Amino acid sequence: AEQTSEQKSAEVIAVDEALSRLAALDPRKSQIVELRYFGGLSVEESAELLGLSSRTIKREWRWARAWLYRELGEERSG
């Protein structure tokens, strides 16, 4: 089923609010999400920009994605 523009707007707001909560909880993970998801940077590019190892970026990216998935899932069901 197609989403209405109202549903899409609500999803954008939910994502923005979840990212704000993540930034308050862990600014570095929030920054990694912004670079990887919104900026389209690779793991290596993100690591170089932030002065971190690729392994750290991968680990924190996985954690942040799981956290956001859980947060957004709770908003849909709540």
PDB file of N, CA and C in Angstrom:
ATOM      1  N   ALA A   1       0.841  -1.192   0.000  1.00  0.00           N
ATOM      2  CA  ALA A   1       0.000   0.000   0.000  1.00  0.00           C
ATOM      3  C   ALA A   1       0.881   1.248   0.000  1.00  0.00           C
ATOM      4  N   GLU A   2       0.470   2.225  -0.745  1.00  0.00           N
ATOM      5  CA  GLU A   2       1.200   3.500  -0.819  1.00  0.00           C
ATOM      6  C   GLU A   2       1.019   4.288   0.468  1.00  0.00           C
ATOM      7  N   GLN A   3       2.052   4.982   0.857  1.00  0.00           N
ATOM      8  CA  GLN A   3       1.965   5.839   2.036  1.00  0.00           C
ATOM      9  C   GLN A   3       1.434   7.204   1.639  1.00  0.00           C
ATOM     10  N   THR A   4       0.649   7.776   2.529  1.00  0.00           N
ATOM     11  CA  THR A   4       0.192   9.141   2.297  1.00  0.00           C
ATOM     12  C   THR A   4       1.321  10.093   2.662  1.00  0.00           C
ATOM     13  N   SER A   5       1.224  11.324   2.193  1.00  0.00           N
ATOM     14  CA  SER A   5       2.256  12.303   2.537  1.00  0.00           C
ATOM     15  C   SER A   5       2.267  12.565   4.040  1.00  0.00           C
ATOM     16  N   GLU A   6       1.114  12.419   4.681  1.00  0.00           N
ATOM     17  CA  GLU A   6       1.045  12.598   6.135  1.00  0.00           C
ATOM     18  C   GLU A   6       1.834  11.502   6.857  1.00  0.00           C
ATOM     19  N   GLN A   7       1.711  10.254   6.371  1.00  0.00           N
ATOM     20  CA  GLN A   7       2.467   9.146   6.965  1.00  0.00           C
ATOM     21  C   GLN A   7       3.967   9.340   6.750  1.00  0.00           C
ATOM     22  N   LYS A   8       4.343   9.781   5.560  1.00  0.00           N
ATOM     23  CA  LYS A   8       5.762  10.013   5.273  1.00  0.00           C
ATOM     24  C   LYS A   8       6.316  11.122   6.159  1.00  0.00           C
ATOM     25  N   SER A   9       5.536  12.183   6.343  1.00  0.00           N
ATOM     26  CA  SER A   9       5.964  13.282   7.216  1.00  0.00           C
ATOM     27  C   SER A   9       6.146  12.802   8.644  1.00  0.00           C
ATOM     28  N   ALA A  10       5.229  11.970   9.118  1.00  0.00           N
ATOM     29  CA  ALA A  10       5.318  11.438  10.476  1.00  0.00           C
ATOM     30  C   ALA A  10       6.573  10.582  10.632  1.00  0.00           C
ATOM     31  N   GLU A  11       6.915   9.809   9.597  1.00  0.00           N
ATOM     32  CA  GLU A  11       8.123   8.982   9.652  1.00  0.00           C
ATOM     33  C   GLU A  11       9.378   9.843   9.692  1.00  0.00           C
ATOM     34  N   VAL A  12       9.409  10.897   8.894  1.00  0.00           N
ATOM     35  CA  VAL A  12      10.566  11.798   8.881  1.00  0.00           C
ATOM     36  C   VAL A  12      10.739  12.434  10.257  1.00  0.00           C
ATOM     37  N   ILE A  13       9.643  12.859  10.853  1.00  0.00           N
ATOM     38  CA  ILE A  13       9.693  13.456  12.196  1.00  0.00           C
ATOM     39  C   ILE A  13      10.177  12.430  13.209  1.00  0.00           C
ATOM     40  N   ALA A  14       9.683  11.195  13.113  1.00  0.00           N
ATOM     41  CA  ALA A  14      10.096  10.139  14.046  1.00  0.00           C
ATOM     42  C   ALA A  14      11.589   9.859  13.925  1.00  0.00           C
ATOM     43  N   VAL A  15      12.103   9.804  12.705  1.00  0.00           N
ATOM     44  CA  VAL A  15      13.535   9.568  12.489  1.00  0.00           C
ATOM     45  C   VAL A  15      14.346  10.722  13.063  1.00  0.00           C
ATOM     46  N   ASP A  16      13.909  11.946  12.803  1.00  0.00           N
ATOM     47  CA  ASP A  16      14.613  13.124  13.313  1.00  0.00           C
ATOM     48  C   ASP A  16      14.646  13.123  14.840  1.00  0.00           C
ATOM     49  N   GLU A  17      13.520  12.795  15.461  1.00  0.00           N
ATOM     50  CA  GLU A  17      13.463  12.754  16.928  1.00  0.00           C
ATOM     51  C   GLU A  17      14.359  11.645  17.477  1.00  0.00           C
ATOM     52  N   ALA A  18      14.355  10.488  16.812  1.00  0.00           N
ATOM     53  CA  ALA A  18      15.209   9.383  17.252  1.00  0.00           C
ATOM     54  C   ALA A  18      16.683   9.764  17.131  1.00  0.00           C
ATOM     55  N   LEU A  19      17.047  10.432  16.044  1.00  0.00           N
ATOM     56  CA  LEU A  19      18.441  10.870  15.876  1.00  0.00           C
ATOM     57  C   LEU A  19      18.828  11.900  16.929  1.00  0.00           C
ATOM     58  N   SER A  20      17.897  12.747  17.315  1.00  0.00           N
ATOM     59  CA  SER A  20      18.173  13.721  18.387  1.00  0.00           C
ATOM     60  C   SER A  20      18.418  13.009  19.710  1.00  0.00           C
ATOM     61  N   ARG A  21      17.619  11.974  19.985  1.00  0.00           N
ATOM     62  CA  ARG A  21      17.825  11.198  21.223  1.00  0.00           C
ATOM     63  C   ARG A  21      19.171  10.480  21.187  1.00  0.00           C
ATOM     64  N   LEU A  22      19.521   9.931  20.024  1.00  0.00           N
ATOM     65  CA  LEU A  22      20.814   9.258  19.888  1.00  0.00           C
ATOM     66  C   LEU A  22      21.955  10.253  20.101  1.00  0.00           C
ATOM     67  N   ALA A  23      21.823  11.455  19.561  1.00  0.00           N
ATOM     68  CA  ALA A  23      22.861  12.479  19.723  1.00  0.00           C
ATOM     69  C   ALA A  23      23.046  12.841  21.189  1.00  0.00           C
ATOM     70  N   ALA A  24      21.948  12.880  21.941  1.00  0.00           N
ATOM     71  CA  ALA A  24      22.036  13.184  23.371  1.00  0.00           C
ATOM     72  C   ALA A  24      22.678  12.020  24.125  1.00  0.00           C
ATOM     73  N   LEU A  25      22.380  10.801  23.691  1.00  0.00           N
ATOM     74  CA  LEU A  25      22.901   9.598  24.338  1.00  0.00           C
ATOM     75  C   LEU A  25      24.371   9.368  23.986  1.00  0.00           C
ATOM     76  N   ASP A  26      24.691   9.504  22.700  1.00  0.00           N
ATOM     77  CA  ASP A  26      26.048   9.212  22.226  1.00  0.00           C
ATOM     78  C   ASP A  26      26.331  10.024  20.958  1.00  0.00           C
ATOM     79  N   PRO A  27      26.886  11.227  21.134  1.00  0.00           N
ATOM     80  CA  PRO A  27      27.115  12.105  19.978  1.00  0.00           C
ATOM     81  C   PRO A  27      27.961  11.473  18.871  1.00  0.00           C
ATOM     82  N   ARG A  28      28.940  10.663  19.238  1.00  0.00           N
ATOM     83  CA  ARG A  28      29.801  10.074  18.208  1.00  0.00           C
ATOM     84  C   ARG A  28      29.021   9.093  17.332  1.00  0.00           C
ATOM     85  N   LYS A  29      28.177   8.281  17.950  1.00  0.00           N
ATOM     86  CA  LYS A  29      27.373   7.345  17.159  1.00  0.00           C
ATOM     87  C   LYS A  29      26.414   8.103  16.249  1.00  0.00           C
ATOM     88  N   SER A  30      25.856   9.182  16.753  1.00  0.00           N
ATOM     89  CA  SER A  30      24.966  10.013  15.941  1.00  0.00           C
ATOM     90  C   SER A  30      25.718  10.584  14.741  1.00  0.00           C
ATOM     91  N   GLN A  31      26.933  11.019  14.970  1.00  0.00           N
ATOM     92  CA  GLN A  31      27.754  11.576  13.891  1.00  0.00           C
ATOM     93  C   GLN A  31      28.062  10.504  12.845  1.00  0.00           C
ATOM     94  N   ILE A  32      28.314   9.287  13.293  1.00  0.00           N
ATOM     95  CA  ILE A  32      28.584   8.184  12.366  1.00  0.00           C
ATOM     96  C   ILE A  32      27.354   7.909  11.505  1.00  0.00           C
ATOM     97  N   VAL A  33      26.166   7.921  12.111  1.00  0.00           N
ATOM     98  CA  VAL A  33      24.931   7.726  11.341  1.00  0.00           C
ATOM     99  C   VAL A  33      24.797   8.822  10.287  1.00  0.00           C
ATOM    100  N   GLU A  34      25.046  10.050  10.683  1.00  0.00           N
ATOM    101  CA  GLU A  34      24.928  11.160   9.730  1.00  0.00           C
ATOM    102  C   GLU A  34      25.902  10.997   8.567  1.00  0.00           C
ATOM    103  N   LEU A  35      27.136  10.624   8.866  1.00  0.00           N
ATOM    104  CA  LEU A  35      28.137  10.462   7.810  1.00  0.00           C
ATOM    105  C   LEU A  35      27.816   9.282   6.899  1.00  0.00           C
ATOM    106  N   ARG A  36      27.455   8.148   7.507  1.00  0.00           N
ATOM    107  CA  ARG A  36      27.237   6.925   6.734  1.00  0.00           C
ATOM    108  C   ARG A  36      25.911   6.960   5.983  1.00  0.00           C
ATOM    109  N   TYR A  37      24.837   7.316   6.679  1.00  0.00           N
ATOM    110  CA  TYR A  37      23.509   7.234   6.075  1.00  0.00           C
ATOM    111  C   TYR A  37      23.184   8.457   5.228  1.00  0.00           C
ATOM    112  N   PHE A  38      23.323   9.624   5.817  1.00  0.00           N
ATOM    113  CA  PHE A  38      22.943  10.844   5.108  1.00  0.00           C
ATOM    114  C   PHE A  38      24.056  11.361   4.201  1.00  0.00           C
ATOM    115  N   GLY A  39      25.301  11.178   4.625  1.00  0.00           N
ATOM    116  CA  GLY A  39      26.427  11.653   3.827  1.00  0.00           C
ATOM    117  C   GLY A  39      26.892  10.667   2.778  1.00  0.00           C
ATOM    118  N   GLY A  40      26.504   9.397   2.933  1.00  0.00           N
ATOM    119  CA  GLY A  40      26.889   8.380   1.973  1.00  0.00           C
ATOM    120  C   GLY A  40      28.350   7.980   2.036  1.00  0.00           C
ATOM    121  N   LEU A  41      29.027   8.301   3.140  1.00  0.00           N
ATOM    122  CA  LEU A  41      30.442   7.968   3.266  1.00  0.00           C
ATOM    123  C   LEU A  41      30.623   6.483   3.569  1.00  0.00           C
ATOM    124  N   SER A  42      31.731   5.941   3.112  1.00  0.00           N
ATOM    125  CA  SER A  42      32.076   4.553   3.401  1.00  0.00           C
ATOM    126  C   SER A  42      32.597   4.448   4.831  1.00  0.00           C
ATOM    127  N   VAL A  43      32.769   3.214   5.277  1.00  0.00           N
ATOM    128  CA  VAL A  43      33.353   2.976   6.598  1.00  0.00           C
ATOM    129  C   VAL A  43      34.729   3.629   6.669  1.00  0.00           C
ATOM    130  N   GLU A  44      35.530   3.413   5.634  1.00  0.00           N
ATOM    131  CA  GLU A  44      36.895   3.944   5.622  1.00  0.00           C
ATOM    132  C   GLU A  44      36.903   5.472   5.617  1.00  0.00           C
ATOM    133  N   GLU A  45      36.031   6.072   4.806  1.00  0.00           N
ATOM    134  CA  GLU A  45      35.954   7.538   4.753  1.00  0.00           C
ATOM    135  C   GLU A  45      35.520   8.118   6.100  1.00  0.00           C
ATOM    136  N   SER A  46      34.540   7.472   6.718  1.00  0.00           N
ATOM    137  CA  SER A  46      34.063   7.927   8.030  1.00  0.00           C
ATOM    138  C   SER A  46      35.168   7.808   9.067  1.00  0.00           C
ATOM    139  N   ALA A  47      35.900   6.690   9.034  1.00  0.00           N
ATOM    140  CA  ALA A  47      36.985   6.462   9.982  1.00  0.00           C
ATOM    141  C   ALA A  47      38.059   7.539   9.840  1.00  0.00           C
ATOM    142  N   GLU A  48      38.426   7.827   8.606  1.00  0.00           N
ATOM    143  CA  GLU A  48      39.463   8.834   8.361  1.00  0.00           C
ATOM    144  C   GLU A  48      39.005  10.216   8.844  1.00  0.00           C
ATOM    145  N   LEU A  49      37.776  10.569   8.533  1.00  0.00           N
ATOM    146  CA  LEU A  49      37.247  11.879   8.902  1.00  0.00           C
ATOM    147  C   LEU A  49      37.179  12.061  10.421  1.00  0.00           C
ATOM    148  N   LEU A  50      36.796  10.983  11.132  1.00  0.00           N
ATOM    149  CA  LEU A  50      36.635  11.072  12.587  1.00  0.00           C
ATOM    150  C   LEU A  50      37.898  10.683  13.358  1.00  0.00           C
ATOM    151  N   GLY A  51      38.912  10.204  12.645  1.00  0.00           N
ATOM    152  CA  GLY A  51      40.141   9.796  13.317  1.00  0.00           C
ATOM    153  C   GLY A  51      39.966   8.529  14.141  1.00  0.00           C
ATOM    154  N   LEU A  52      39.132   7.625  13.635  1.00  0.00           N
ATOM    155  CA  LEU A  52      38.861   6.359  14.318  1.00  0.00           C
ATOM    156  C   LEU A  52      39.251   5.202  13.406  1.00  0.00           C
ATOM    157  N   SER A  53      39.306   4.003  13.968  1.00  0.00           N
ATOM    158  CA  SER A  53      39.593   2.834  13.144  1.00  0.00           C
ATOM    159  C   SER A  53      38.323   2.400  12.409  1.00  0.00           C
ATOM    160  N   SER A  54      38.518   1.703  11.295  1.00  0.00           N
ATOM    161  CA  SER A  54      37.376   1.166  10.548  1.00  0.00           C
ATOM    162  C   SER A  54      36.580   0.209  11.419  1.00  0.00           C
ATOM    163  N   ARG A  55      37.292  -0.536  12.239  1.00  0.00           N
ATOM    164  CA  ARG A  55      36.626  -1.496  13.128  1.00  0.00           C
ATOM    165  C   ARG A  55      35.688  -0.781  14.108  1.00  0.00           C
ATOM    166  N   THR A  56      36.126   0.343  14.650  1.00  0.00           N
ATOM    167  CA  THR A  56      35.289   1.124  15.565  1.00  0.00           C
ATOM    168  C   THR A  56      34.063   1.660  14.834  1.00  0.00           C
ATOM    169  N   ILE A  57      34.260   2.168  13.629  1.00  0.00           N
ATOM    170  CA  ILE A  57      33.130   2.685  12.846  1.00  0.00           C
ATOM    171  C   ILE A  57      32.118   1.572  12.597  1.00  0.00           C
ATOM    172  N   LYS A  58      32.590   0.401  12.176  1.00  0.00           N
ATOM    173  CA  LYS A  58      31.682  -0.724  11.903  1.00  0.00           C
ATOM    174  C   LYS A  58      30.899  -1.110  13.147  1.00  0.00           C
ATOM    175  N   ARG A  59      31.598  -1.217  14.272  1.00  0.00           N
ATOM    176  CA  ARG A  59      30.946  -1.617  15.522  1.00  0.00           C
ATOM    177  C   ARG A  59      29.903  -0.583  15.941  1.00  0.00           C
ATOM    178  N   GLU A  60      30.261   0.694  15.914  1.00  0.00           N
ATOM    179  CA  GLU A  60      29.339   1.739  16.361  1.00  0.00           C
ATOM    180  C   GLU A  60      28.194   1.935  15.367  1.00  0.00           C
ATOM    181  N   TRP A  61      28.441   1.728  14.082  1.00  0.00           N
ATOM    182  CA  TRP A  61      27.407   1.811  13.055  1.00  0.00           C
ATOM    183  C   TRP A  61      26.373   0.708  13.283  1.00  0.00           C
ATOM    184  N   ARG A  62      26.844  -0.519  13.558  1.00  0.00           N
ATOM    185  CA  ARG A  62      25.913  -1.627  13.848  1.00  0.00           C
ATOM    186  C   ARG A  62      25.076  -1.314  15.073  1.00  0.00           C
ATOM    187  N   TRP A  63      25.727  -0.832  16.132  1.00  0.00           N
ATOM    188  CA  TRP A  63      25.021  -0.503  17.370  1.00  0.00           C
ATOM    189  C   TRP A  63      23.973   0.581  17.116  1.00  0.00           C
ATOM    190  N   ALA A  64      24.359   1.635  16.412  1.00  0.00           N
ATOM    191  CA  ALA A  64      23.449   2.759  16.158  1.00  0.00           C
ATOM    192  C   ALA A  64      22.264   2.329  15.303  1.00  0.00           C
ATOM    193  N   ARG A  65      22.513   1.504  14.291  1.00  0.00           N
ATOM    194  CA  ARG A  65      21.401   1.029  13.452  1.00  0.00           C
ATOM    195  C   ARG A  65      20.426   0.195  14.271  1.00  0.00           C
ATOM    196  N   ALA A  66      20.931  -0.697  15.112  1.00  0.00           N
ATOM    197  CA  ALA A  66      20.058  -1.519  15.953  1.00  0.00           C
ATOM    198  C   ALA A  66      19.267  -0.646  16.923  1.00  0.00           C
ATOM    199  N   TRP A  67      19.932   0.341  17.504  1.00  0.00           N
ATOM    200  CA  TRP A  67      19.269   1.243  18.447  1.00  0.00           C
ATOM    201  C   TRP A  67      18.150   2.011  17.751  1.00  0.00           C
ATOM    202  N   LEU A  68      18.440   2.560  16.564  1.00  0.00           N
ATOM    203  CA  LEU A  68      17.426   3.315  15.815  1.00  0.00           C
ATOM    204  C   LEU A  68      16.263   2.418  15.399  1.00  0.00           C
ATOM    205  N   TYR A  69      16.562   1.213  14.961  1.00  0.00           N
ATOM    206  CA  TYR A  69      15.514   0.265  14.569  1.00  0.00           C
ATOM    207  C   TYR A  69      14.584   0.002  15.750  1.00  0.00           C
ATOM    208  N   ARG A  70      15.178  -0.216  16.908  1.00  0.00           N
ATOM    209  CA  ARG A  70      14.388  -0.474  18.119  1.00  0.00           C
ATOM    210  C   ARG A  70      13.566   0.760  18.494  1.00  0.00           C
ATOM    211  N   GLU A  71      14.196   1.921  18.468  1.00  0.00           N
ATOM    212  CA  GLU A  71      13.491   3.164  18.811  1.00  0.00           C
ATOM    213  C   GLU A  71      12.317   3.423  17.873  1.00  0.00           C
ATOM    214  N   LEU A  72      12.550   3.268  16.592  1.00  0.00           N
ATOM    215  CA  LEU A  72      11.501   3.543  15.613  1.00  0.00           C
ATOM    216  C   LEU A  72      10.408   2.486  15.672  1.00  0.00           C
ATOM    217  N   GLY A  73      10.771   1.260  15.991  1.00  0.00           N
ATOM    218  CA  GLY A  73       9.773   0.200  16.147  1.00  0.00           C
ATOM    219  C   GLY A  73       8.857   0.471  17.323  1.00  0.00           C
ATOM    220  N   GLU A  74       9.432   0.978  18.421  1.00  0.00           N
ATOM    221  CA  GLU A  74       8.633   1.302  19.601  1.00  0.00           C
ATOM    222  C   GLU A  74       7.687   2.459  19.313  1.00  0.00           C
ATOM    223  N   GLU A  75       8.128   3.413  18.499  1.00  0.00           N
ATOM    224  CA  GLU A  75       7.260   4.553  18.166  1.00  0.00           C
ATOM    225  C   GLU A  75       6.083   4.109  17.316  1.00  0.00           C
ATOM    226  N   ARG A  76       6.307   3.167  16.409  1.00  0.00           N
ATOM    227  CA  ARG A  76       5.217   2.686  15.553  1.00  0.00           C
ATOM    228  C   ARG A  76       4.186   1.918  16.364  1.00  0.00           C
ATOM    229  N   SER A  77       4.656   1.102  17.311  1.00  0.00           N
ATOM    230  CA  SER A  77       3.725   0.283  18.090  1.00  0.00           C
ATOM    231  C   SER A  77       3.148   1.037  19.278  1.00  0.00           C
ATOM    232  N   GLY A  78       3.817   2.117  19.687  1.00  0.00           N
ATOM    233  CA  GLY A  78       3.388   2.854  20.868  1.00  0.00           C
ATOM    234  C   GLY A  78       2.488   3.941  20.487  1.00  0.00           C
TER     235      GLY A  78
END
